[in-house]
Protein backbone atom coordinates (compact mmCIF):
# COMPACT_ATOMS: atom_id res chain seq x y z
CA UNK A 1 -0.04 0.01 -0.02
CA UNK A 2 1.28 3.40 -0.99
CA UNK A 3 2.81 5.57 1.87
CA UNK A 4 1.90 9.22 2.06
CA UNK A 5 3.79 11.96 3.85
CA UNK A 6 1.74 14.89 5.29
CA UNK A 7 1.93 18.07 6.78
CA UNK A 8 -1.21 19.15 8.86
CA UNK A 9 -2.37 21.60 11.55
CA UNK A 10 -4.19 20.71 14.52
CA UNK A 11 -7.07 22.77 16.37
CA UNK A 12 -4.76 25.18 17.78
CA UNK A 13 -2.87 25.84 14.59
CA UNK A 14 0.27 23.92 15.48
CA UNK A 15 1.83 22.19 12.53
CA UNK A 16 2.14 18.57 12.51
CA UNK A 17 3.78 16.09 10.22
CA UNK A 18 4.01 12.20 9.70
CA UNK A 19 3.40 9.54 7.30
CA UNK A 20 0.32 7.35 6.78
CA UNK A 21 -0.40 4.36 4.68
CA UNK A 22 -3.43 4.75 2.44
CA UNK A 23 -4.87 3.66 -0.86
CA UNK A 24 -4.97 7.42 -2.03
CA UNK A 25 -4.87 11.19 -0.96
CA UNK A 26 -8.78 10.99 -0.12
CA UNK A 27 -8.16 8.18 2.36
CA UNK A 28 -5.30 10.32 3.86
CA UNK A 29 -7.59 13.47 4.42
CA UNK A 30 -10.20 11.26 5.83
CA UNK A 31 -7.71 9.71 8.30
CA UNK A 32 -6.43 13.36 9.08
CA UNK A 33 -9.88 14.53 9.78
CA UNK A 34 -10.72 11.86 12.14
CA UNK A 35 -7.52 12.86 14.15
CA UNK A 36 -8.85 16.62 14.17
CA UNK A 37 -6.06 17.50 11.72
CA UNK A 38 -6.42 19.88 8.75
CA UNK A 39 -4.07 18.83 5.84
CA UNK A 40 -1.61 21.37 4.19
CA UNK A 41 0.38 19.08 1.96
CA UNK A 42 -0.01 15.41 1.25
CA UNK A 43 2.66 13.66 -0.93
CA UNK A 44 2.89 9.96 -2.09
CA UNK A 45 6.50 9.02 -0.92
CA UNK A 46 6.04 5.69 -2.72
CA UNK A 47 5.51 7.61 -6.18
CA UNK A 48 8.47 9.82 -5.59
CA UNK A 49 10.72 7.04 -4.64
CA UNK A 50 9.67 5.15 -7.79
CA UNK A 51 10.16 8.48 -9.61
CA UNK A 52 13.66 8.56 -8.43
CA UNK A 53 14.22 5.07 -9.51
CA UNK A 54 12.93 5.69 -12.95
CA UNK A 55 15.00 8.79 -13.48
CA UNK A 56 18.28 7.18 -12.34
CA UNK A 57 17.87 3.48 -13.06
CA UNK A 58 15.42 3.68 -16.17
CA UNK A 59 17.73 6.03 -18.03
CA UNK A 60 20.87 4.44 -17.62
CA UNK A 61 19.90 0.70 -18.13
CA UNK A 62 18.83 -0.98 -21.22
CA UNK A 63 17.34 -4.04 -22.26
CA UNK A 64 18.08 -6.11 -25.29
CA UNK A 65 15.86 -5.50 -28.13
CA UNK A 66 14.99 -9.29 -28.78
CA UNK A 67 13.96 -9.47 -25.09
CA UNK A 68 11.82 -6.37 -25.60
CA UNK A 69 10.23 -7.81 -28.77
CA UNK A 70 9.10 -11.04 -26.79
CA UNK A 71 7.91 -8.69 -23.86
CA UNK A 72 5.49 -6.60 -26.21
CA UNK A 73 4.16 -9.95 -28.05
CA UNK A 74 3.42 -11.80 -24.83
CA UNK A 75 1.73 -8.75 -23.20
CA UNK A 76 -0.27 -8.29 -26.34
CA UNK A 77 -1.28 -11.93 -26.09
CA UNK A 78 -2.13 -11.93 -22.63
CA UNK A 79 -4.45 -8.89 -22.88
CA UNK A 80 -6.10 -10.50 -25.93
CA UNK A 81 -6.87 -13.72 -24.08
CA UNK A 82 -8.74 -11.29 -21.58
CA UNK A 83 -5.97 -11.35 -18.74
CA UNK A 84 -6.15 -8.05 -16.67
CA UNK A 85 -3.35 -5.55 -17.24
CA UNK A 86 -2.17 -5.86 -13.58
CA UNK A 87 -2.04 -9.69 -13.82
CA UNK A 88 -0.52 -9.64 -17.17
CA UNK A 89 2.38 -7.38 -16.04
CA UNK A 90 2.84 -9.44 -12.85
CA UNK A 91 3.16 -12.60 -15.06
CA UNK A 92 5.58 -11.11 -17.21
CA UNK A 93 7.69 -9.56 -14.36
CA UNK A 94 7.99 -12.85 -12.67
CA UNK A 95 8.79 -14.94 -15.69
CA UNK A 96 11.48 -12.64 -17.33
CA UNK A 97 15.10 -13.62 -16.83
CA UNK A 98 16.41 -10.20 -17.41
CA UNK A 99 16.85 -8.38 -14.06
CA UNK A 100 16.61 -4.82 -15.29
CA UNK A 101 13.18 -5.73 -17.25
CA UNK A 102 11.88 -7.32 -14.19
CA UNK A 103 12.74 -4.20 -11.98
CA UNK A 104 11.05 -1.98 -14.64
CA UNK A 105 7.95 -4.14 -14.99
CA UNK A 106 7.47 -4.40 -11.39
CA UNK A 107 7.55 -0.70 -10.99
CA UNK A 108 5.24 -0.14 -14.15
CA UNK A 109 2.70 -2.65 -12.61
CA UNK A 110 2.69 -0.63 -9.28
CA UNK A 111 2.14 2.37 -11.18
CA UNK A 112 -0.65 1.17 -13.32
CA UNK A 113 -2.24 -0.33 -10.23
CA UNK A 114 -2.19 3.39 -8.78
CA UNK A 115 -4.17 4.43 -11.85
CA UNK A 116 -1.31 5.84 -13.98
CA UNK A 117 -1.70 5.10 -17.78
CA UNK A 118 0.56 2.52 -19.28
CA UNK A 119 2.02 4.78 -21.86
CA UNK A 120 2.85 7.40 -19.13
CA UNK A 121 4.58 4.57 -17.02
CA UNK A 122 6.70 3.36 -20.10
CA UNK A 123 7.68 6.96 -20.72
CA UNK A 124 9.56 6.95 -17.33
CA UNK A 125 11.99 4.47 -18.78
CA UNK A 126 13.49 6.10 -22.01
CA UNK A 127 16.54 3.68 -21.81
CA UNK A 128 14.07 0.56 -21.97
CA UNK A 129 11.03 1.78 -24.00
CA UNK A 130 11.76 3.76 -27.15
CA UNK A 131 9.82 6.88 -27.90
CA UNK A 132 8.12 5.13 -30.70
CA UNK A 133 6.88 2.41 -28.66
CA UNK A 134 5.61 4.77 -25.85
CA UNK A 135 3.54 6.83 -28.36
CA UNK A 136 2.22 3.72 -30.00
CA UNK A 137 1.00 2.31 -26.77
CA UNK A 138 -0.40 5.81 -25.92
CA UNK A 139 -2.26 5.87 -29.21
CA UNK A 140 -3.39 2.18 -28.71
CA UNK A 141 -4.78 2.84 -25.22
CA UNK A 142 -6.69 5.98 -26.32
CA UNK A 143 -7.98 4.36 -29.47
CA UNK A 144 -8.90 0.98 -28.15
CA UNK A 145 -6.35 -0.99 -30.02
CA UNK A 146 -3.86 -1.48 -27.48
CA UNK A 147 -3.23 -5.26 -28.19
CA UNK A 148 -2.65 -4.50 -32.08
CA UNK A 149 -0.44 -1.52 -30.91
CA UNK A 150 1.75 -3.84 -28.74
CA UNK A 151 1.97 -6.75 -31.58
CA UNK A 152 3.08 -3.94 -33.94
CA UNK A 153 5.71 -2.49 -31.56
CA UNK A 154 6.75 -6.06 -30.91
CA UNK A 155 7.17 -6.92 -34.72
CA UNK A 156 8.83 -3.52 -35.45
CA UNK A 157 11.38 -4.09 -32.72
CA UNK A 158 12.07 -7.71 -34.01
CA UNK A 159 12.72 -6.25 -37.43
CA UNK A 160 15.05 -3.66 -36.02
CA UNK A 161 17.09 -6.11 -34.30
CA UNK A 162 16.93 -8.34 -37.22
CA UNK A 163 18.54 -5.62 -39.31
CA UNK A 164 21.04 -4.61 -36.79
CA UNK A 165 22.26 -8.17 -36.62
CA UNK A 166 22.49 -8.57 -40.34
CA UNK A 167 24.27 -5.28 -40.35
CA UNK A 168 26.74 -6.14 -37.56
CA UNK A 169 27.39 -9.79 -39.11
CA UNK A 170 27.90 -8.34 -42.48
CA UNK A 171 30.34 -5.65 -41.34
CA UNK A 172 32.38 -8.00 -38.86
CA UNK A 173 34.87 -9.33 -41.55
CA UNK A 174 35.50 -5.87 -42.95
CA UNK A 175 36.13 -4.50 -39.48
CA UNK A 176 38.25 -7.50 -38.62
CA UNK A 177 40.53 -6.82 -41.68
CA UNK A 178 40.77 -3.27 -40.97
CA UNK A 179 41.76 -3.87 -37.30
CA UNK A 180 44.37 -6.59 -38.26
CA UNK A 181 45.75 -4.47 -40.97
CA UNK A 182 46.26 -1.31 -38.88
CA UNK A 183 47.90 -3.68 -36.14
CA UNK A 184 50.32 -5.27 -38.73
CA UNK A 185 51.14 -1.87 -40.34
CA UNK A 186 51.79 -0.27 -36.80
CA UNK A 187 54.00 -3.22 -35.80
CA UNK A 188 56.06 -2.84 -39.09
CA UNK A 189 56.51 0.83 -38.40
CA UNK A 190 57.25 0.90 -34.77
CA UNK A 191 59.38 -2.37 -34.55
CA UNK A 192 60.51 -3.46 -37.90
CA UNK A 193 61.40 -0.27 -40.01
CA UNK A 194 63.68 1.26 -37.52
CA UNK A 195 66.12 -1.71 -37.68
CA UNK A 196 66.92 -0.72 -41.25
CA UNK A 197 67.91 2.79 -40.61
CA UNK A 198 71.66 2.01 -39.84
CA UNK A 199 71.71 -0.03 -43.11
CA UNK A 200 70.56 2.95 -45.17
CA UNK A 201 72.90 5.49 -43.53
CA UNK A 202 75.45 5.31 -46.34
CA UNK A 203 72.89 5.98 -49.04
CA UNK A 204 71.68 8.85 -47.07
CA UNK A 205 75.13 10.36 -47.06
CA UNK A 206 75.46 9.89 -50.75
CA UNK A 207 72.20 11.51 -51.30
CA UNK A 208 70.66 8.46 -52.82
CA UNK A 209 68.01 7.57 -50.37
CA UNK A 210 64.55 7.24 -52.12
CA UNK A 211 62.02 9.80 -50.89
CA UNK A 212 59.59 7.19 -50.15
CA UNK A 213 62.01 5.29 -47.71
CA UNK A 214 62.91 8.73 -46.15
CA UNK A 215 59.34 9.62 -45.48
CA UNK A 216 58.98 6.01 -44.02
CA UNK A 217 61.66 6.34 -41.64
CA UNK A 218 60.73 9.70 -40.53
CA UNK A 219 57.15 8.50 -39.83
CA UNK A 220 58.39 5.54 -38.19
CA UNK A 221 60.80 7.75 -35.72
CA UNK A 222 57.77 10.07 -35.22
CA UNK A 223 55.61 7.26 -33.80
CA UNK A 224 58.53 6.04 -31.71
CA UNK A 225 58.99 9.34 -30.22
CA UNK A 226 55.65 10.68 -29.98
CA UNK A 227 53.27 7.66 -30.34
CA UNK A 228 52.07 8.06 -26.89
CA UNK A 229 51.00 11.63 -27.49
CA UNK A 230 49.27 10.47 -30.68
CA UNK A 231 47.39 8.05 -28.44
CA UNK A 232 46.30 10.40 -25.77
CA UNK A 233 45.25 12.97 -28.35
CA UNK A 234 43.17 10.27 -30.14
CA UNK A 235 41.45 9.47 -26.80
CA UNK A 236 40.88 12.96 -25.87
CA UNK A 237 39.33 13.43 -29.40
CA UNK A 238 37.10 10.31 -28.89
CA UNK A 239 35.71 11.70 -25.74
CA UNK A 240 35.13 15.11 -27.16
CA UNK A 241 33.36 13.77 -30.10
CA UNK A 242 31.25 11.64 -27.87
CA UNK A 243 30.26 14.50 -25.76
CA UNK A 244 29.42 16.59 -28.87
CA UNK A 245 27.17 13.73 -30.29
CA UNK A 246 25.30 13.81 -26.91
CA UNK A 247 24.23 17.32 -27.79
CA UNK A 248 21.34 18.38 -30.26
CA UNK A 249 23.69 19.96 -32.67
CA UNK A 250 26.08 16.98 -32.53
CA UNK A 251 23.16 14.72 -33.23
CA UNK A 252 22.27 16.76 -36.29
CA UNK A 253 25.68 16.82 -37.60
CA UNK A 254 26.03 12.96 -37.14
CA UNK A 255 22.70 12.21 -39.07
CA UNK A 256 23.75 14.59 -41.86
CA UNK A 257 27.27 13.25 -42.11
CA UNK A 258 25.64 9.57 -42.34
CA UNK A 259 23.51 10.70 -45.31
CA UNK A 260 26.62 12.01 -47.05
CA UNK A 261 28.45 8.88 -47.24
CA UNK A 262 28.61 7.37 -50.63
CA UNK A 263 26.30 4.34 -51.20
CA UNK A 264 25.83 3.89 -47.33
CA UNK A 265 24.03 7.23 -46.98
CA UNK A 266 21.08 6.32 -49.38
CA UNK A 267 20.92 2.97 -47.66
CA UNK A 268 20.46 4.62 -44.23
CA UNK A 269 17.76 6.98 -45.51
CA UNK A 270 15.85 4.41 -47.30
CA UNK A 271 15.67 2.21 -44.20
CA UNK A 272 14.44 5.45 -42.20
CA UNK A 273 11.78 6.03 -44.78
CA UNK A 274 10.70 2.45 -44.71
CA UNK A 275 10.30 2.50 -40.80
CA UNK A 276 8.20 5.84 -41.10
CA UNK A 277 5.93 4.41 -43.66
CA UNK A 278 5.47 1.28 -41.84
CA UNK A 279 4.54 2.87 -38.64
CA UNK A 280 2.43 5.72 -40.21
CA UNK A 281 0.50 3.20 -42.15
CA UNK A 282 0.07 0.91 -39.15
CA UNK A 283 -1.43 3.91 -36.96
CA UNK A 284 -3.75 4.89 -39.92
CA UNK A 285 -5.02 1.40 -40.41
CA UNK A 286 -6.06 1.42 -36.71
CA UNK A 287 -8.08 4.68 -37.19
CA UNK A 288 -5.62 7.08 -35.58
CA UNK A 289 -6.06 10.60 -36.96
CA UNK A 290 -3.22 11.56 -39.53
CA UNK A 291 -1.85 14.47 -37.46
CA UNK A 292 -1.29 12.43 -34.45
CA UNK A 293 -0.01 9.59 -36.62
CA UNK A 294 2.51 11.72 -38.15
CA UNK A 295 3.75 12.97 -34.63
CA UNK A 296 4.25 9.31 -33.69
CA UNK A 297 5.65 7.98 -36.63
CA UNK A 298 8.40 10.81 -36.93
CA UNK A 299 9.95 9.30 -33.87
CA UNK A 300 10.43 5.89 -35.56
CA UNK A 301 12.69 7.31 -38.33
CA UNK A 302 15.85 7.25 -36.30
CA UNK A 303 17.05 10.44 -38.35
CA UNK A 304 16.39 13.88 -36.93
CA UNK A 305 16.71 15.58 -40.30
CA UNK A 306 13.85 13.35 -41.84
CA UNK A 307 12.02 13.59 -38.37
CA UNK A 308 12.18 17.52 -38.80
CA UNK A 309 10.89 17.28 -42.28
CA UNK A 310 8.09 15.10 -41.32
CA UNK A 311 7.18 17.77 -38.62
CA UNK A 312 7.16 20.48 -41.37
CA UNK A 313 4.77 18.49 -43.49
CA UNK A 314 2.67 18.01 -40.44
CA UNK A 315 2.16 21.70 -40.09
CA UNK A 316 1.36 21.76 -43.92
CA UNK A 317 -1.35 19.44 -43.37
CA UNK A 318 -2.81 21.29 -40.42
CA UNK A 319 -3.25 24.12 -43.14
CA UNK A 320 -4.99 21.92 -45.50
CA UNK A 321 -2.31 20.81 -47.97
CA UNK A 322 -1.46 17.20 -48.96
CA UNK A 323 1.16 15.02 -47.25
CA UNK A 324 3.11 14.11 -50.45
CA UNK A 325 3.84 17.77 -51.52
CA UNK A 326 6.06 18.98 -48.26
CA UNK A 327 7.53 15.55 -48.19
CA UNK A 328 8.70 15.72 -51.90
CA UNK A 329 9.99 19.41 -51.24
CA UNK A 330 12.39 18.03 -48.45
CA UNK A 331 14.51 16.00 -50.74
CA UNK A 332 14.82 13.24 -48.36
CA UNK A 333 12.27 10.77 -49.67
CA UNK A 334 12.61 9.13 -53.21
CA UNK A 335 10.49 10.51 -55.80
CA UNK A 336 8.80 7.03 -56.52
CA UNK A 337 7.77 7.09 -52.72
CA UNK A 338 6.25 10.64 -52.64
CA UNK A 339 4.51 9.56 -56.01
CA UNK A 340 3.01 6.56 -54.35
CA UNK A 341 2.05 8.57 -51.13
CA UNK A 342 0.38 11.07 -53.59
CA UNK A 343 -1.79 8.33 -55.19
CA UNK A 344 -2.59 6.85 -51.85
CA UNK A 345 -3.90 10.17 -50.64
CA UNK A 346 -6.09 10.74 -53.78
CA UNK A 347 -7.43 7.02 -53.39
CA UNK A 348 -7.70 7.46 -49.76
CA UNK A 349 -5.67 4.15 -49.20
CA UNK A 350 -2.57 5.52 -47.36
CA UNK A 351 -3.06 2.83 -44.76
CA UNK A 352 -2.54 0.07 -47.36
CA UNK A 353 -0.21 1.89 -49.83
CA UNK A 354 2.24 2.91 -46.93
CA UNK A 355 3.22 -0.69 -45.64
CA UNK A 356 3.56 -1.86 -49.40
CA UNK A 357 6.26 1.03 -49.68
CA UNK A 358 7.91 -0.09 -46.55
CA UNK A 359 8.05 -3.83 -47.91
CA UNK A 360 9.43 -2.55 -51.33
CA UNK A 361 12.09 -0.20 -49.67
CA UNK A 362 13.28 -2.86 -47.19
CA UNK A 363 13.78 -5.52 -49.89
CA UNK A 364 15.67 -3.20 -52.24
CA UNK A 365 17.69 -1.77 -49.45
CA UNK A 366 18.71 -5.15 -48.05
CA UNK A 367 19.93 -6.09 -51.54
CA UNK A 368 21.93 -3.00 -51.84
CA UNK A 369 23.30 -3.54 -48.41
CA UNK A 370 24.50 -7.21 -49.10
CA UNK A 371 26.00 -5.86 -52.38
CA UNK A 372 27.74 -3.00 -50.62
CA UNK A 373 29.23 -5.42 -47.91
CA UNK A 374 30.38 -7.73 -50.48
CA UNK A 375 32.11 -5.05 -52.43
CA UNK A 376 33.54 -3.63 -49.24
CA UNK A 377 35.46 -6.81 -48.39
CA UNK A 378 37.74 -7.12 -51.47
CA UNK A 379 38.24 -3.27 -51.36
CA UNK A 380 39.49 -3.52 -47.62
CA UNK A 381 41.89 -6.37 -48.66
CA UNK A 382 43.07 -4.43 -51.58
CA UNK A 383 43.66 -1.36 -49.37
CA UNK A 384 45.44 -3.35 -46.75
CA UNK A 385 47.74 -5.02 -49.33
CA UNK A 386 48.55 -1.80 -51.04
CA UNK A 387 49.76 -0.44 -47.61
CA UNK A 388 51.84 -3.33 -46.73
CA UNK A 389 53.31 -3.66 -50.22
CA UNK A 390 54.10 0.11 -50.06
CA UNK A 391 56.06 -0.45 -46.73
CA UNK A 392 57.88 -3.53 -47.96
CA UNK A 393 58.81 -1.54 -51.25
CA UNK A 394 60.22 1.32 -49.42
CA UNK A 395 62.38 -0.91 -47.43
CA UNK A 396 63.51 -3.14 -50.52
CA UNK A 397 64.34 -0.39 -53.03
CA UNK A 398 67.38 0.99 -51.03
CA UNK A 399 68.36 -2.67 -50.19
CA UNK A 400 68.54 -3.38 -53.81
CA UNK A 401 70.32 -0.18 -54.50
CA UNK A 402 72.92 -0.79 -51.72
CA UNK A 403 73.72 -4.49 -53.07
CA UNK A 404 74.23 -3.16 -56.66
CA UNK A 405 76.33 -0.35 -55.71
CA UNK A 406 78.98 -2.86 -53.84
């Protein structure tokens, strides 16, 4: 039972404070009245302690996306089967093996039991529940399609995890090649190249040292003398960049930079557009008004620039304009997508057209991503081979010159 702290005054006007266990503020007031006390302030200490837990614990801890996908699906199934919300949350909290999710679900169950809406309880844990999932649950609660909303969020989360897994597995080998190549070249420059400097001293005195070898030896000496400074500066730069990326301007710069990467930028934008279309189509299909649907779906894009364009489009729709026109003007959506949206608006079938757009974009983008990774692997091998060959040739040429001059 919640615990309330109170400050009250007795019949003589003296201030009295204390705590009372009660079901709500009204019961606290009734108990105080029986004691001939007049309440001044009443505060739910249980709620405030949970709020502290949410603000500190919820923002720092995260839960695996696959675990969250299962949670959304199971909660939807329990509610669809007629199990009450409190009991459903109690079941899910007791059976999950994730310690963070167990604590979070337990706190959410207590909040819902106190009368707090499920979406609002979710919003207290931004590290666990994304903005899109919170908004979808809120819309589902208000529109009477909570089970469908939870299922959609679960399916969307699973799709995102699948995409993330495919991307990570595809990039694993190129990243491994880059890491190994960097280590090999660093070892060559720091430990292997300096051993040749004494052998090349005679060529240097004669002025016959190749410029490539001279540059290689100078760079090697620099790494030996100042390598630790370079390492410290790199760490400082990493920390500063990470701090910058946590700011709004830094996030804007990062999203803008991602879109300018050749080939990969188009892939990332197409995936963001696909997420937007899928969520917007789902909401419209469940009867959510288009203005609210746009406000919710813009948080699913994962790109601040596209999200801002959708916000501008929302304002245009409030003024009576179509959706396709401002989206086309933004330049972020492919022309084919805006044309299909325009046709969907004219035929009043956006709820069916948008999921089809998302399916088409995802299939096309996955093919491009696979091709990009396949090309990236031989390119990485070629670059590493050229760098190693350059180091070896810079050392071999003066050796050959020395042997022919003897």
